[in-house]
Amino acid sequence: MALIDLLFGGKKKTASVAKERLQIILAHERSDRTTRKPEFLADLQKDLVQVISKYIQIDPQDIKVALDRQDNLEVLEVKIELPEAELRNSR
């Protein structure tokens, strides 16, 4: 009977079927995260501009927020270009 199951596929164990389905779902979720930009990045950038503007005069274009994928990690990158010292002291 085992030979017939081997040749014609037989019935798979439910654990292996569940594992395969989970792997497919995880792969799909990972591909979605890498292809679309999270909605919160624009809001985060606006909030950063508001907070930093309380302390120094800054152009909103000088703040860049990005979400990068490196290996299996997602890295939130925030780049802030501060104005020259005389502009910071004038405020």
N, C-alpha and C. Protein backbone atom coordinates (compact mmCIF):
# COMPACT_ATOMS: atom_id res chain seq x y z
N MET A 1 0.81 -1.20 0.00
CA MET A 1 0.00 0.00 0.00
C MET A 1 0.86 1.27 0.00
N ALA A 2 1.99 1.22 0.67
CA ALA A 2 2.87 2.38 0.73
C ALA A 2 3.43 2.72 -0.64
N LEU A 3 3.68 1.70 -1.46
CA LEU A 3 4.19 1.94 -2.80
C LEU A 3 3.15 2.66 -3.66
N ILE A 4 1.90 2.30 -3.53
CA ILE A 4 0.83 2.96 -4.28
C ILE A 4 0.70 4.42 -3.83
N ASP A 5 0.77 4.65 -2.52
CA ASP A 5 0.70 6.02 -2.01
C ASP A 5 1.88 6.85 -2.52
N LEU A 6 3.05 6.23 -2.59
CA LEU A 6 4.24 6.93 -3.07
C LEU A 6 4.09 7.30 -4.55
N LEU A 7 3.57 6.39 -5.34
CA LEU A 7 3.42 6.63 -6.78
C LEU A 7 2.31 7.62 -7.10
N PHE A 8 1.21 7.53 -6.41
CA PHE A 8 0.05 8.37 -6.73
C PHE A 8 -0.14 9.54 -5.78
N GLY A 9 0.80 9.77 -4.91
CA GLY A 9 0.74 10.94 -4.05
C GLY A 9 0.15 10.68 -2.70
N GLY A 10 -0.81 9.83 -2.59
CA GLY A 10 -1.40 9.53 -1.30
C GLY A 10 -1.93 10.77 -0.59
N LYS A 11 -2.38 10.61 0.59
CA LYS A 11 -2.90 11.73 1.38
C LYS A 11 -1.77 12.31 2.24
N LYS A 12 -1.59 13.61 2.17
CA LYS A 12 -0.55 14.27 2.96
C LYS A 12 -1.00 14.43 4.39
N LYS A 13 -0.05 14.45 5.26
CA LYS A 13 -0.34 14.70 6.68
C LYS A 13 -0.77 16.16 6.84
N THR A 14 -1.69 16.41 7.75
CA THR A 14 -2.21 17.76 7.93
C THR A 14 -1.14 18.73 8.42
N ALA A 15 -0.17 18.25 9.18
CA ALA A 15 0.89 19.13 9.67
C ALA A 15 1.74 19.64 8.52
N SER A 16 2.06 18.78 7.56
CA SER A 16 2.87 19.22 6.43
C SER A 16 2.09 20.16 5.52
N VAL A 17 0.80 19.92 5.38
CA VAL A 17 -0.04 20.82 4.59
C VAL A 17 -0.11 22.20 5.25
N ALA A 18 -0.30 22.21 6.56
CA ALA A 18 -0.36 23.48 7.29
C ALA A 18 0.96 24.22 7.19
N LYS A 19 2.07 23.50 7.27
CA LYS A 19 3.39 24.13 7.17
C LYS A 19 3.58 24.76 5.79
N GLU A 20 3.19 24.04 4.73
CA GLU A 20 3.31 24.59 3.38
C GLU A 20 2.45 25.84 3.20
N ARG A 21 1.25 25.81 3.73
CA ARG A 21 0.37 26.98 3.63
C ARG A 21 0.94 28.16 4.38
N LEU A 22 1.49 27.93 5.55
CA LEU A 22 2.09 29.01 6.34
C LEU A 22 3.28 29.60 5.61
N GLN A 23 4.10 28.77 4.98
CA GLN A 23 5.24 29.27 4.22
C GLN A 23 4.79 30.14 3.05
N ILE A 24 3.71 29.75 2.39
CA ILE A 24 3.18 30.55 1.28
C ILE A 24 2.67 31.89 1.78
N ILE A 25 1.95 31.88 2.89
CA ILE A 25 1.42 33.12 3.46
C ILE A 25 2.54 34.05 3.88
N LEU A 26 3.57 33.52 4.55
CA LEU A 26 4.70 34.34 4.98
C LEU A 26 5.45 34.94 3.80
N ALA A 27 5.65 34.15 2.76
CA ALA A 27 6.33 34.66 1.57
C ALA A 27 5.52 35.77 0.93
N HIS A 28 4.21 35.62 0.90
CA HIS A 28 3.34 36.64 0.32
C HIS A 28 3.39 37.93 1.14
N GLU A 29 3.34 37.81 2.46
CA GLU A 29 3.40 38.99 3.33
C GLU A 29 4.73 39.71 3.20
N ARG A 30 5.81 38.98 3.12
CA ARG A 30 7.14 39.59 2.97
C ARG A 30 7.24 40.34 1.65
N SER A 31 6.71 39.79 0.60
CA SER A 31 6.78 40.46 -0.69
C SER A 31 5.92 41.72 -0.69
N ASP A 32 4.79 41.72 0.00
CA ASP A 32 3.95 42.92 0.10
C ASP A 32 4.68 44.04 0.83
N ARG A 33 5.39 43.71 1.90
CA ARG A 33 6.08 44.73 2.67
C ARG A 33 7.21 45.37 1.90
N THR A 34 7.87 44.62 1.04
CA THR A 34 8.99 45.18 0.30
C THR A 34 8.54 45.99 -0.91
N THR A 35 7.34 45.73 -1.42
CA THR A 35 6.91 46.42 -2.63
C THR A 35 6.11 47.70 -2.35
N ARG A 36 5.52 47.82 -1.19
CA ARG A 36 4.74 49.03 -0.93
C ARG A 36 5.34 49.80 0.24
N LYS A 37 5.25 51.10 0.12
CA LYS A 37 5.79 51.98 1.14
C LYS A 37 4.76 52.11 2.27
N PRO A 38 5.18 51.90 3.50
CA PRO A 38 4.24 52.02 4.62
C PRO A 38 3.65 53.43 4.69
N GLU A 39 2.37 53.50 5.03
CA GLU A 39 1.65 54.76 5.06
C GLU A 39 2.15 55.70 6.16
N PHE A 40 2.71 55.14 7.22
CA PHE A 40 3.08 55.95 8.36
C PHE A 40 4.33 56.79 8.12
N LEU A 41 5.10 56.54 7.07
CA LEU A 41 6.36 57.27 6.88
C LEU A 41 6.12 58.76 6.63
N ALA A 42 5.11 59.12 5.86
CA ALA A 42 4.83 60.53 5.60
C ALA A 42 4.40 61.23 6.89
N ASP A 43 3.57 60.57 7.68
CA ASP A 43 3.14 61.15 8.96
C ASP A 43 4.31 61.29 9.93
N LEU A 44 5.18 60.30 9.94
CA LEU A 44 6.36 60.34 10.80
C LEU A 44 7.25 61.51 10.42
N GLN A 45 7.43 61.73 9.13
CA GLN A 45 8.26 62.84 8.67
C GLN A 45 7.65 64.19 9.09
N LYS A 46 6.34 64.34 8.97
CA LYS A 46 5.68 65.58 9.38
C LYS A 46 5.85 65.82 10.88
N ASP A 47 5.69 64.77 11.67
CA ASP A 47 5.86 64.88 13.12
C ASP A 47 7.28 65.28 13.49
N LEU A 48 8.26 64.70 12.81
CA LEU A 48 9.65 65.05 13.09
C LEU A 48 9.93 66.51 12.77
N VAL A 49 9.37 66.99 11.67
CA VAL A 49 9.55 68.40 11.31
C VAL A 49 8.97 69.30 12.39
N GLN A 50 7.79 68.98 12.89
CA GLN A 50 7.15 69.79 13.93
C GLN A 50 7.98 69.81 15.22
N VAL A 51 8.47 68.67 15.63
CA VAL A 51 9.23 68.59 16.88
C VAL A 51 10.56 69.31 16.75
N ILE A 52 11.28 69.08 15.67
CA ILE A 52 12.59 69.71 15.51
C ILE A 52 12.43 71.21 15.32
N SER A 53 11.35 71.65 14.69
CA SER A 53 11.12 73.08 14.47
C SER A 53 10.92 73.84 15.78
N LYS A 54 10.56 73.16 16.84
CA LYS A 54 10.43 73.81 18.14
C LYS A 54 11.78 74.29 18.66
N TYR A 55 12.85 73.64 18.23
CA TYR A 55 14.17 73.92 18.78
C TYR A 55 15.10 74.62 17.80
N ILE A 56 14.99 74.33 16.52
CA ILE A 56 15.82 75.00 15.52
C ILE A 56 14.99 75.23 14.26
N GLN A 57 15.41 76.23 13.49
CA GLN A 57 14.73 76.52 12.24
C GLN A 57 15.25 75.53 11.20
N ILE A 58 14.34 74.78 10.60
CA ILE A 58 14.74 73.74 9.66
C ILE A 58 13.76 73.70 8.50
N ASP A 59 14.30 73.38 7.33
CA ASP A 59 13.48 73.22 6.14
C ASP A 59 12.90 71.80 6.14
N PRO A 60 11.60 71.63 5.92
CA PRO A 60 11.01 70.28 5.91
C PRO A 60 11.68 69.33 4.91
N GLN A 61 12.27 69.87 3.86
CA GLN A 61 12.95 69.04 2.87
C GLN A 61 14.27 68.47 3.39
N ASP A 62 14.74 68.98 4.53
CA ASP A 62 16.01 68.51 5.11
C ASP A 62 15.84 67.25 5.95
N ILE A 63 14.63 66.77 6.07
CA ILE A 63 14.37 65.55 6.84
C ILE A 63 13.86 64.48 5.89
N LYS A 64 14.56 63.36 5.87
CA LYS A 64 14.18 62.24 5.01
C LYS A 64 13.98 61.00 5.88
N VAL A 65 12.88 60.31 5.65
CA VAL A 65 12.55 59.09 6.39
C VAL A 65 12.37 57.97 5.37
N ALA A 66 13.03 56.84 5.62
CA ALA A 66 12.92 55.70 4.70
C ALA A 66 12.92 54.40 5.49
N LEU A 67 12.29 53.41 4.92
CA LEU A 67 12.27 52.07 5.51
C LEU A 67 12.97 51.15 4.53
N ASP A 68 14.12 50.61 4.95
CA ASP A 68 14.92 49.74 4.09
C ASP A 68 14.89 48.32 4.62
N ARG A 69 15.11 47.40 3.71
CA ARG A 69 15.18 45.98 4.09
C ARG A 69 16.61 45.52 3.90
N GLN A 70 17.21 45.00 4.97
CA GLN A 70 18.56 44.47 4.93
C GLN A 70 18.52 43.06 5.50
N ASP A 71 18.80 42.09 4.67
CA ASP A 71 18.70 40.68 5.03
C ASP A 71 17.27 40.40 5.52
N ASN A 72 17.11 39.99 6.76
CA ASN A 72 15.78 39.71 7.30
C ASN A 72 15.30 40.82 8.23
N LEU A 73 15.96 41.98 8.19
CA LEU A 73 15.60 43.08 9.08
C LEU A 73 15.02 44.23 8.28
N GLU A 74 14.10 44.94 8.92
CA GLU A 74 13.62 46.20 8.36
C GLU A 74 14.27 47.31 9.18
N VAL A 75 14.88 48.26 8.48
CA VAL A 75 15.63 49.32 9.14
C VAL A 75 14.96 50.65 8.83
N LEU A 76 14.58 51.36 9.89
CA LEU A 76 14.01 52.70 9.72
C LEU A 76 15.17 53.68 9.71
N GLU A 77 15.30 54.41 8.61
CA GLU A 77 16.41 55.34 8.44
C GLU A 77 15.86 56.76 8.46
N VAL A 78 16.43 57.60 9.33
CA VAL A 78 16.04 59.00 9.42
C VAL A 78 17.28 59.85 9.19
N LYS A 79 17.24 60.68 8.14
CA LYS A 79 18.35 61.58 7.83
C LYS A 79 17.88 63.00 8.05
N ILE A 80 18.61 63.74 8.88
CA ILE A 80 18.27 65.12 9.19
C ILE A 80 19.48 66.00 8.90
N GLU A 81 19.32 66.92 7.98
CA GLU A 81 20.39 67.87 7.69
C GLU A 81 20.14 69.12 8.52
N LEU A 82 21.04 69.38 9.45
CA LEU A 82 20.89 70.54 10.32
C LEU A 82 21.48 71.77 9.64
N PRO A 83 20.88 72.95 9.89
CA PRO A 83 21.40 74.18 9.28
C PRO A 83 22.74 74.57 9.91
N GLU A 84 23.39 75.53 9.29
CA GLU A 84 24.66 76.03 9.80
C GLU A 84 24.50 76.58 11.21
N ALA A 85 25.56 76.70 11.96
CA ALA A 85 25.53 77.11 13.36
C ALA A 85 24.91 78.50 13.54
N GLU A 86 25.20 79.46 12.64
CA GLU A 86 24.65 80.80 12.81
C GLU A 86 23.12 80.82 12.67
N LEU A 87 22.58 79.94 11.84
CA LEU A 87 21.13 79.87 11.71
C LEU A 87 20.51 79.26 12.96
N ARG A 88 21.17 78.28 13.57
CA ARG A 88 20.64 77.65 14.78
C ARG A 88 20.65 78.63 15.94
N ASN A 89 21.66 79.46 16.04
CA ASN A 89 21.79 80.40 17.15
C ASN A 89 20.85 81.58 17.02
N SER A 90 20.38 81.89 15.82
CA SER A 90 19.51 83.05 15.61
C SER A 90 18.09 82.80 16.08
N ARG A 91 17.73 81.60 16.36
CA ARG A 91 16.36 81.30 16.73
C ARG A 91 16.14 81.39 18.22
